[in-house]
């Protein structure tokens, strides 16, 4: 296995486990600490502020080829986040914790996207992303299994120690891999373009409607990872161990599905697959709205689990098709700038979107009862993905 590919899978594997160990449960932790939906929305907005600040410095470390610092900081921020999550100080968590959460996300996702871009080619993006999904499923869900158990038993010290030890082990393993294969030329890591300034980001435009997609995509990602995870938690009567089990079972089914379809995604007509995926994704928000109305009500287990599986499949199938299109388009342009523009535009709009959502929820007596309206509003917005890459075949 080429050194860059091995580095990508090691980096993704270790971080996926760490994400499943505790950060995946951030919305649950915030909710259990007494935060309202409005305050959780502000937490997300502050997270985006932290992401943008970190992205500025990450870009300069990338341009200077300080990869050891980038990798080490990704694990350091992750450990700091876990420390703040288990520390029972609400104000610090919502402010400093949110900023650290953004920095951790920046150093993980930005590095991962660049590595993924380098190890793929035009004819294998879907297959490689399928392999990536399977790896994430395994590593993330092992973390979820351990994290949900330790959280359920309130073994917070064990969570902190395990997170720090695994971060240290991950950093050492990745550095050892890079140092062992130093004679091999790491073409992408050794030929970085200069850091980008704000004007270059603002002047970005292409024929694929990318800027429009950048603006809306972050909204969906955070609604899924925060509000939807919280919705599932509430549907399971706030049982964190049951939530962890549901996530694991869903992931096992999805891993099996992706194992069979990942090799075919690159062979089938890209446009047809993408359009089907977008329609399915829009329907997934309709189903979310329907299920969210059953919060605080008894719902048949068969209906609940079938609905959750269908939503998870439609969402993940869309991500498979979307990411194939994203990386194929990025390869046609200057990939580094394209990936950075995605982060800058998405994170900036997240500050605006979730500040508005926070203001909206703050004026409601029972915001939980209005979650289905928010999910249904996502249906027409999801259809905007149809415009991505429409003017040029990808």
Protein backbone atom coordinates (compact mmCIF):
# COMPACT_ATOMS: atom_id res chain seq x y z
CA UNK A 1 0.00 0.00 0.00
CA UNK A 2 1.48 3.42 -0.96
CA UNK A 3 2.64 5.52 1.96
CA UNK A 4 0.12 8.30 1.35
CA UNK A 5 -2.77 5.85 1.20
CA UNK A 6 -1.57 4.19 4.40
CA UNK A 7 -1.26 7.60 6.06
CA UNK A 8 -4.81 8.50 5.03
CA UNK A 9 -6.31 5.32 6.46
CA UNK A 10 -4.28 5.53 9.68
CA UNK A 11 -5.24 9.17 10.18
CA UNK A 12 -8.91 8.51 9.42
CA UNK A 13 -9.06 5.33 11.47
CA UNK A 14 -7.61 6.79 14.65
CA UNK A 15 -9.70 9.95 14.43
CA UNK A 16 -12.88 8.03 13.65
CA UNK A 17 -12.44 6.02 16.84
CA UNK A 18 -11.84 9.21 18.82
CA UNK A 19 -14.91 10.87 17.28
CA UNK A 20 -17.06 7.90 18.24
CA UNK A 21 -15.61 7.79 21.75
CA UNK A 22 -17.12 11.11 22.82
CA UNK A 23 -17.43 13.99 20.28
CA UNK A 24 -20.20 12.14 18.43
CA UNK A 25 -22.24 12.50 21.62
CA UNK A 26 -21.71 16.27 21.90
CA UNK A 27 -25.40 17.15 21.31
CA UNK A 28 -26.39 14.55 23.90
CA UNK A 29 -23.88 15.88 26.43
CA UNK A 30 -25.04 19.45 25.84
CA UNK A 31 -28.67 18.42 26.23
CA UNK A 32 -28.00 16.45 29.42
CA UNK A 33 -26.13 19.45 30.85
CA UNK A 34 -29.35 21.44 30.53
CA UNK A 35 -28.73 23.40 27.31
CA UNK A 36 -31.75 24.30 25.20
CA UNK A 37 -32.01 23.87 21.43
CA UNK A 38 -31.32 27.59 21.11
CA UNK A 39 -28.12 27.30 23.16
CA UNK A 40 -27.01 24.23 21.20
CA UNK A 41 -27.50 26.27 18.02
CA UNK A 42 -25.26 29.00 19.42
CA UNK A 43 -22.71 26.29 20.31
CA UNK A 44 -22.69 25.28 16.63
CA UNK A 45 -22.27 28.92 15.54
CA UNK A 46 -19.29 29.33 17.90
CA UNK A 47 -17.90 26.03 16.60
CA UNK A 48 -17.86 27.52 13.10
CA UNK A 49 -16.04 30.59 14.40
CA UNK A 50 -13.39 28.28 15.87
CA UNK A 51 -13.19 26.36 12.59
CA UNK A 52 -12.60 29.54 10.55
CA UNK A 53 -9.89 30.82 12.89
CA UNK A 54 -8.15 27.44 12.87
CA UNK A 55 -8.49 27.14 9.08
CA UNK A 56 -6.49 30.35 8.58
CA UNK A 57 -3.55 28.91 10.54
CA UNK A 58 -4.00 25.39 9.18
CA UNK A 59 -3.64 26.75 5.64
CA UNK A 60 -0.34 28.39 6.53
CA UNK A 61 0.99 25.27 8.22
CA UNK A 62 -0.04 23.30 5.12
CA UNK A 63 1.73 25.73 2.79
CA UNK A 64 4.88 25.50 4.93
CA UNK A 65 4.62 21.66 4.85
CA UNK A 66 4.54 21.36 8.64
CA UNK A 67 2.66 18.07 8.48
CA UNK A 68 3.95 16.78 11.81
CA UNK A 69 2.52 19.89 13.50
CA UNK A 70 -0.78 19.54 11.65
CA UNK A 71 -1.17 15.90 12.64
CA UNK A 72 -0.13 16.51 16.24
CA UNK A 73 -2.49 19.51 16.59
CA UNK A 74 -5.39 17.45 15.23
CA UNK A 75 -4.93 15.00 18.11
CA UNK A 76 -4.20 17.72 20.69
CA UNK A 77 -7.40 19.61 19.87
CA UNK A 78 -9.35 16.36 20.02
CA UNK A 79 -8.00 15.61 23.52
CA UNK A 80 -8.70 19.16 24.70
CA UNK A 81 -12.27 18.84 23.45
CA UNK A 82 -12.82 15.64 25.40
CA UNK A 83 -11.37 17.32 28.52
CA UNK A 84 -13.87 20.18 28.26
CA UNK A 85 -16.77 17.84 27.50
CA UNK A 86 -16.26 15.85 30.71
CA UNK A 87 -15.63 19.00 32.73
CA UNK A 88 -18.90 20.21 34.22
CA UNK A 89 -18.63 23.91 33.40
CA UNK A 90 -21.47 24.92 31.07
CA UNK A 91 -20.33 28.45 30.21
CA UNK A 92 -16.79 27.36 29.39
CA UNK A 93 -18.11 24.45 27.33
CA UNK A 94 -20.41 26.62 25.21
CA UNK A 95 -17.69 29.22 24.51
CA UNK A 96 -14.16 27.84 24.75
CA UNK A 97 -15.38 24.27 24.18
CA UNK A 98 -17.16 25.29 20.99
CA UNK A 99 -14.06 27.06 19.66
CA UNK A 100 -11.90 24.01 20.43
CA UNK A 101 -14.52 21.82 18.77
CA UNK A 102 -14.22 23.94 15.64
CA UNK A 103 -10.41 23.79 15.68
CA UNK A 104 -10.49 20.00 16.13
CA UNK A 105 -12.91 19.67 13.22
CA UNK A 106 -10.78 21.91 11.04
CA UNK A 107 -7.52 20.06 11.60
CA UNK A 108 -9.20 16.70 11.07
CA UNK A 109 -11.49 17.34 8.10
CA UNK A 110 -9.18 19.67 6.18
CA UNK A 111 -6.26 17.24 6.44
CA UNK A 112 -8.42 14.26 5.63
CA UNK A 113 -9.90 15.90 2.51
CA UNK A 114 -6.49 16.78 1.12
CA UNK A 115 -5.18 13.27 1.72
CA UNK A 116 -8.29 11.73 0.16
CA UNK A 117 -7.99 14.00 -2.87
CA UNK A 118 -4.45 12.80 -3.47
CA UNK A 119 -5.11 9.06 -3.22
CA UNK A 120 -8.04 9.08 -5.68
CA UNK A 121 -8.27 9.29 -9.45
CA UNK A 122 -11.16 10.05 -11.80
CA UNK A 123 -12.08 6.38 -12.19
CA UNK A 124 -11.97 5.30 -8.55
CA UNK A 125 -13.42 8.10 -6.42
CA UNK A 126 -16.60 6.21 -5.61
CA UNK A 127 -14.79 2.98 -4.79
CA UNK A 128 -12.24 4.75 -2.60
CA UNK A 129 -14.95 6.69 -0.78
CA UNK A 130 -16.80 3.42 -0.26
CA UNK A 131 -13.69 1.93 1.34
CA UNK A 132 -13.37 5.08 3.43
CA UNK A 133 -17.01 4.73 4.56
CA UNK A 134 -16.42 1.12 5.62
CA UNK A 135 -13.31 2.11 7.59
CA UNK A 136 -15.20 4.93 9.28
CA UNK A 137 -18.05 2.55 10.11
CA UNK A 138 -15.71 0.08 11.82
CA UNK A 139 -13.50 2.56 13.69
CA UNK A 140 -16.24 5.04 14.54
CA UNK A 141 -18.63 2.44 15.83
CA UNK A 142 -16.02 0.71 17.97
CA UNK A 143 -15.55 4.15 19.50
CA UNK A 144 -19.32 4.54 19.85
CA UNK A 145 -19.59 1.16 21.57
CA UNK A 146 -16.89 2.04 24.10
CA UNK A 147 -17.99 5.66 24.47
CA UNK A 148 -21.69 4.93 24.99
CA UNK A 149 -20.87 2.32 27.65
CA UNK A 150 -18.46 4.60 29.54
CA UNK A 151 -20.86 7.55 29.28
CA UNK A 152 -23.78 5.43 30.42
CA UNK A 153 -21.76 4.28 33.44
CA UNK A 154 -20.47 7.85 33.98
CA UNK A 155 -16.82 6.74 33.80
CA UNK A 156 -15.67 10.20 32.72
CA UNK A 157 -12.07 9.79 33.91
CA UNK A 158 -11.73 6.61 31.87
CA UNK A 159 -13.02 8.44 28.79
CA UNK A 160 -10.46 11.19 29.22
CA UNK A 161 -7.55 8.83 29.81
CA UNK A 162 -8.50 6.57 26.91
CA UNK A 163 -8.88 9.53 24.56
CA UNK A 164 -5.49 10.99 25.47
CA UNK A 165 -3.71 7.63 25.22
CA UNK A 166 -5.31 6.82 21.86
CA UNK A 167 -4.43 10.28 20.53
CA UNK A 168 -0.80 9.78 21.52
CA UNK A 169 -0.72 6.29 20.00
CA UNK A 170 -2.32 7.59 16.79
CA UNK A 171 0.21 10.39 16.39
CA UNK A 172 3.15 8.06 17.01
CA UNK A 173 1.83 5.47 14.53
CA UNK A 174 1.29 8.01 11.75
CA UNK A 175 4.68 9.64 12.29
CA UNK A 176 6.38 6.26 12.32
CA UNK A 177 4.67 5.41 9.04
CA UNK A 178 5.85 8.68 7.44
CA UNK A 179 9.40 8.39 8.80
CA UNK A 180 9.74 4.76 7.73
CA UNK A 181 8.78 5.59 4.15
CA UNK A 182 10.57 8.95 3.97
CA UNK A 183 12.62 7.94 0.87
CA UNK A 184 9.38 7.62 -1.09
CA UNK A 185 8.32 10.89 -2.70
CA UNK A 186 5.16 12.28 -1.13
CA UNK A 187 4.21 14.29 -4.19
CA UNK A 188 1.20 16.04 -2.74
CA UNK A 189 2.65 16.76 0.67
CA UNK A 190 5.89 18.13 -0.80
CA UNK A 191 4.41 20.42 -3.48
CA UNK A 192 1.93 22.59 -1.64
CA UNK A 193 0.70 25.85 -3.15
CA UNK A 194 1.08 29.07 -1.10
CA UNK A 195 -1.49 29.93 1.57
CA UNK A 196 -4.59 31.73 0.31
CA UNK A 197 -5.72 35.19 1.33
CA UNK A 198 -9.30 36.32 1.85
CA UNK A 199 -9.51 38.05 -1.53
CA UNK A 200 -8.62 34.80 -3.34
CA UNK A 201 -11.37 33.00 -1.44
CA UNK A 202 -13.95 35.70 -2.17
CA UNK A 203 -13.07 35.72 -5.88
CA UNK A 204 -13.72 32.00 -6.25
CA UNK A 205 -16.26 31.01 -8.91
CA UNK A 206 -16.78 28.19 -11.38
CA UNK A 207 -19.34 26.72 -13.77
CA UNK A 208 -20.57 24.03 -11.37
CA UNK A 209 -22.63 26.18 -8.96
CA UNK A 210 -20.09 25.17 -6.33
CA UNK A 211 -20.46 28.34 -4.27
CA UNK A 212 -24.20 27.70 -3.87
CA UNK A 213 -23.55 24.15 -2.69
CA UNK A 214 -20.79 25.26 -0.32
CA UNK A 215 -23.27 27.64 1.30
CA UNK A 216 -25.96 25.03 2.01
CA UNK A 217 -23.94 21.86 2.57
CA UNK A 218 -22.65 22.76 6.02
CA UNK A 219 -26.20 23.31 7.23
CA UNK A 220 -27.16 19.74 6.40
CA UNK A 221 -24.02 18.23 7.88
CA UNK A 222 -24.55 19.94 11.24
CA UNK A 223 -28.29 19.33 11.33
CA UNK A 224 -27.51 15.63 10.88
CA UNK A 225 -24.68 15.43 13.39
CA UNK A 226 -26.36 17.56 16.07
CA UNK A 227 -30.13 17.90 15.80
CA UNK A 228 -30.79 14.52 14.20
CA UNK A 229 -28.55 12.66 16.67
CA UNK A 230 -30.38 14.46 19.47
CA UNK A 231 -33.72 13.50 17.90
CA UNK A 232 -32.74 9.81 17.88
CA UNK A 233 -31.66 10.15 21.51
CA UNK A 234 -35.05 11.57 22.45
CA UNK A 235 -36.84 8.87 20.43
CA UNK A 236 -35.02 6.25 22.51
CA UNK A 237 -36.29 7.87 25.73
CA UNK A 238 -32.87 9.43 26.40
CA UNK A 239 -31.10 6.09 26.77
CA UNK A 240 -27.52 6.70 25.67
CA UNK A 241 -26.56 3.02 25.59
CA UNK A 242 -29.57 2.23 23.39
CA UNK A 243 -28.59 5.16 21.16
CA UNK A 244 -25.08 3.75 20.84
CA UNK A 245 -26.46 0.32 19.97
CA UNK A 246 -28.78 1.79 17.32
CA UNK A 247 -25.90 3.69 15.72
CA UNK A 248 -23.77 0.56 15.65
CA UNK A 249 -26.48 -1.67 14.17
CA UNK A 250 -27.31 0.92 11.51
CA UNK A 251 -23.64 1.19 10.64
CA UNK A 252 -23.22 -2.56 10.27
CA UNK A 253 -26.10 -2.69 7.78
CA UNK A 254 -24.74 0.32 5.91
CA UNK A 255 -21.24 -1.17 5.79
CA UNK A 256 -22.65 -4.30 4.13
CA UNK A 257 -24.59 -2.20 1.63
CA UNK A 258 -21.58 -0.04 0.74
CA UNK A 259 -19.38 -3.12 0.42
CA UNK A 260 -21.55 -4.33 -2.45
CA UNK A 261 -22.22 -1.02 -4.21
CA UNK A 262 -18.90 0.83 -3.85
CA UNK A 263 -17.29 -0.81 -6.90
CA UNK A 264 -20.27 -0.06 -9.15
CA UNK A 265 -20.67 3.64 -8.33
CA UNK A 266 -17.81 4.53 -10.73
CA UNK A 267 -19.23 2.43 -13.59
CA UNK A 268 -22.83 3.63 -13.64
CA UNK A 269 -23.93 6.90 -15.25
CA UNK A 270 -22.82 9.54 -12.75
CA UNK A 271 -25.66 11.94 -13.44
CA UNK A 272 -28.41 9.34 -12.97
CA UNK A 273 -26.88 8.08 -9.71
CA UNK A 274 -26.46 11.61 -8.43
CA UNK A 275 -30.02 12.67 -9.26
CA UNK A 276 -31.46 9.57 -7.58
CA UNK A 277 -29.30 10.27 -4.53
CA UNK A 278 -30.51 13.89 -4.30
CA UNK A 279 -34.17 12.84 -4.50
CA UNK A 280 -33.56 10.21 -1.84
CA UNK A 281 -31.82 12.75 0.38
CA UNK A 282 -34.77 15.14 0.12
CA UNK A 283 -37.09 12.29 1.12
CA UNK A 284 -34.83 11.52 4.10
CA UNK A 285 -35.68 14.95 5.53
CA UNK A 286 -39.37 14.28 5.06
CA UNK A 287 -39.00 11.02 7.00
CA UNK A 288 -37.00 12.84 9.70
CA UNK A 289 -39.88 15.29 10.06
CA UNK A 290 -42.36 12.44 10.38
CA UNK A 291 -40.34 10.56 13.01
CA UNK A 292 -39.55 13.70 15.03
CA UNK A 293 -43.26 14.17 15.68
CA UNK A 294 -43.17 10.98 17.75
CA UNK A 295 -40.82 12.46 20.38
CA UNK A 296 -42.26 11.84 23.87
CA UNK A 297 -44.70 9.34 22.37
CA UNK A 298 -44.72 5.57 22.22
CA UNK A 299 -43.69 4.46 18.75
CA UNK A 300 -43.60 0.93 17.41
CA UNK A 301 -40.01 -0.39 17.45
CA UNK A 302 -40.35 -1.86 13.95
CA UNK A 303 -41.45 1.49 12.54
CA UNK A 304 -38.74 3.36 14.44
CA UNK A 305 -35.85 1.11 13.42
CA UNK A 306 -37.04 0.72 9.84
CA UNK A 307 -37.37 4.50 9.54
CA UNK A 308 -33.92 5.08 11.02
CA UNK A 309 -32.34 2.53 8.68
CA UNK A 310 -34.03 4.06 5.63
CA UNK A 311 -32.95 7.58 6.62
CA UNK A 312 -29.39 6.43 7.28
CA UNK A 313 -29.20 4.65 3.91
CA UNK A 314 -30.61 7.57 1.93
CA UNK A 315 -28.27 10.02 3.68
CA UNK A 316 -25.15 7.91 3.28
CA UNK A 317 -25.94 6.99 -0.32
CA UNK A 318 -26.28 10.70 -1.06
CA UNK A 319 -22.95 11.41 0.64
CA UNK A 320 -21.30 8.72 -1.48
CA UNK A 321 -22.64 10.27 -4.71
CA UNK A 322 -22.04 13.85 -3.55
CA UNK A 323 -18.46 13.27 -2.43
CA UNK A 324 -17.64 11.53 -5.70
CA UNK A 325 -18.88 14.60 -7.56
CA UNK A 326 -17.12 16.97 -5.14
CA UNK A 327 -13.69 15.36 -5.53
CA UNK A 328 -14.07 14.89 -9.29
CA UNK A 329 -14.83 18.61 -9.67
CA UNK A 330 -12.04 19.56 -7.27
CA UNK A 331 -9.59 17.61 -9.42
CA UNK A 332 -10.55 19.67 -12.47
CA UNK A 333 -9.76 22.91 -10.63
CA UNK A 334 -6.99 23.72 -8.17
CA UNK A 335 -7.89 21.07 -5.61
CA UNK A 336 -6.40 22.77 -2.55
CA UNK A 337 -8.16 26.07 -3.20
CA UNK A 338 -11.42 24.27 -3.99
CA UNK A 339 -11.37 22.33 -0.72
CA UNK A 340 -10.48 25.43 1.28
CA UNK A 341 -13.24 27.48 -0.36
CA UNK A 342 -15.71 24.75 0.58
CA UNK A 343 -14.72 25.10 4.23
CA UNK A 344 -14.64 28.90 4.29
CA UNK A 345 -18.05 29.35 2.67
CA UNK A 346 -19.73 26.51 4.59
CA UNK A 347 -18.44 27.59 8.00
CA UNK A 348 -19.24 31.27 7.49
CA UNK A 349 -22.81 30.46 6.49
CA UNK A 350 -23.15 28.11 9.48
CA UNK A 351 -22.59 31.08 11.77
CA UNK A 352 -25.49 32.86 10.08
CA UNK A 353 -27.79 29.84 9.73
CA UNK A 354 -27.52 28.63 13.31
CA UNK A 355 -27.66 32.13 14.78
CA UNK A 356 -31.02 32.49 13.01
CA UNK A 357 -32.13 29.04 14.20
CA UNK A 358 -31.04 29.90 17.76
CA UNK A 359 -33.06 33.12 17.64
CA UNK A 360 -36.07 31.26 16.24
CA UNK A 361 -35.97 28.53 18.91
CA UNK A 362 -35.44 31.07 21.71
CA UNK A 363 -38.87 32.52 21.00
CA UNK A 364 -40.70 29.21 21.23
CA UNK A 365 -42.18 27.78 24.40
CA UNK A 366 -41.70 24.17 23.21
CA UNK A 367 -39.00 24.12 20.50
CA UNK A 368 -38.84 20.30 20.47
CA UNK A 369 -42.34 20.19 19.05
CA UNK A 370 -41.18 22.36 16.14
CA UNK A 371 -38.21 20.24 15.06
CA UNK A 372 -40.29 18.57 12.36
CA UNK A 373 -40.92 21.97 10.76
CA UNK A 374 -37.16 22.60 10.57
CA UNK A 375 -36.64 19.18 8.95
CA UNK A 376 -39.42 19.75 6.43
CA UNK A 377 -37.93 23.14 5.50
CA UNK A 378 -34.78 21.23 4.52
CA UNK A 379 -36.64 19.35 1.75
CA UNK A 380 -36.69 22.18 -0.85
CA UNK A 381 -33.20 23.29 0.22
CA UNK A 382 -31.89 19.75 -0.41
CA UNK A 383 -33.16 19.95 -3.98
CA UNK A 384 -30.61 22.73 -4.62
CA UNK A 385 -28.03 19.94 -4.88
CA UNK A 386 -29.51 19.23 -8.33
CA UNK A 387 -27.67 22.31 -9.62
CA UNK A 388 -24.24 21.03 -8.55
CA UNK A 389 -22.13 20.34 -11.63
CA UNK A 390 -25.17 20.81 -13.87
CA UNK A 391 -23.49 23.06 -16.43
CA UNK A 392 -20.64 20.69 -17.06
CA UNK A 393 -20.43 16.95 -17.18
CA UNK A 394 -18.58 15.47 -14.21
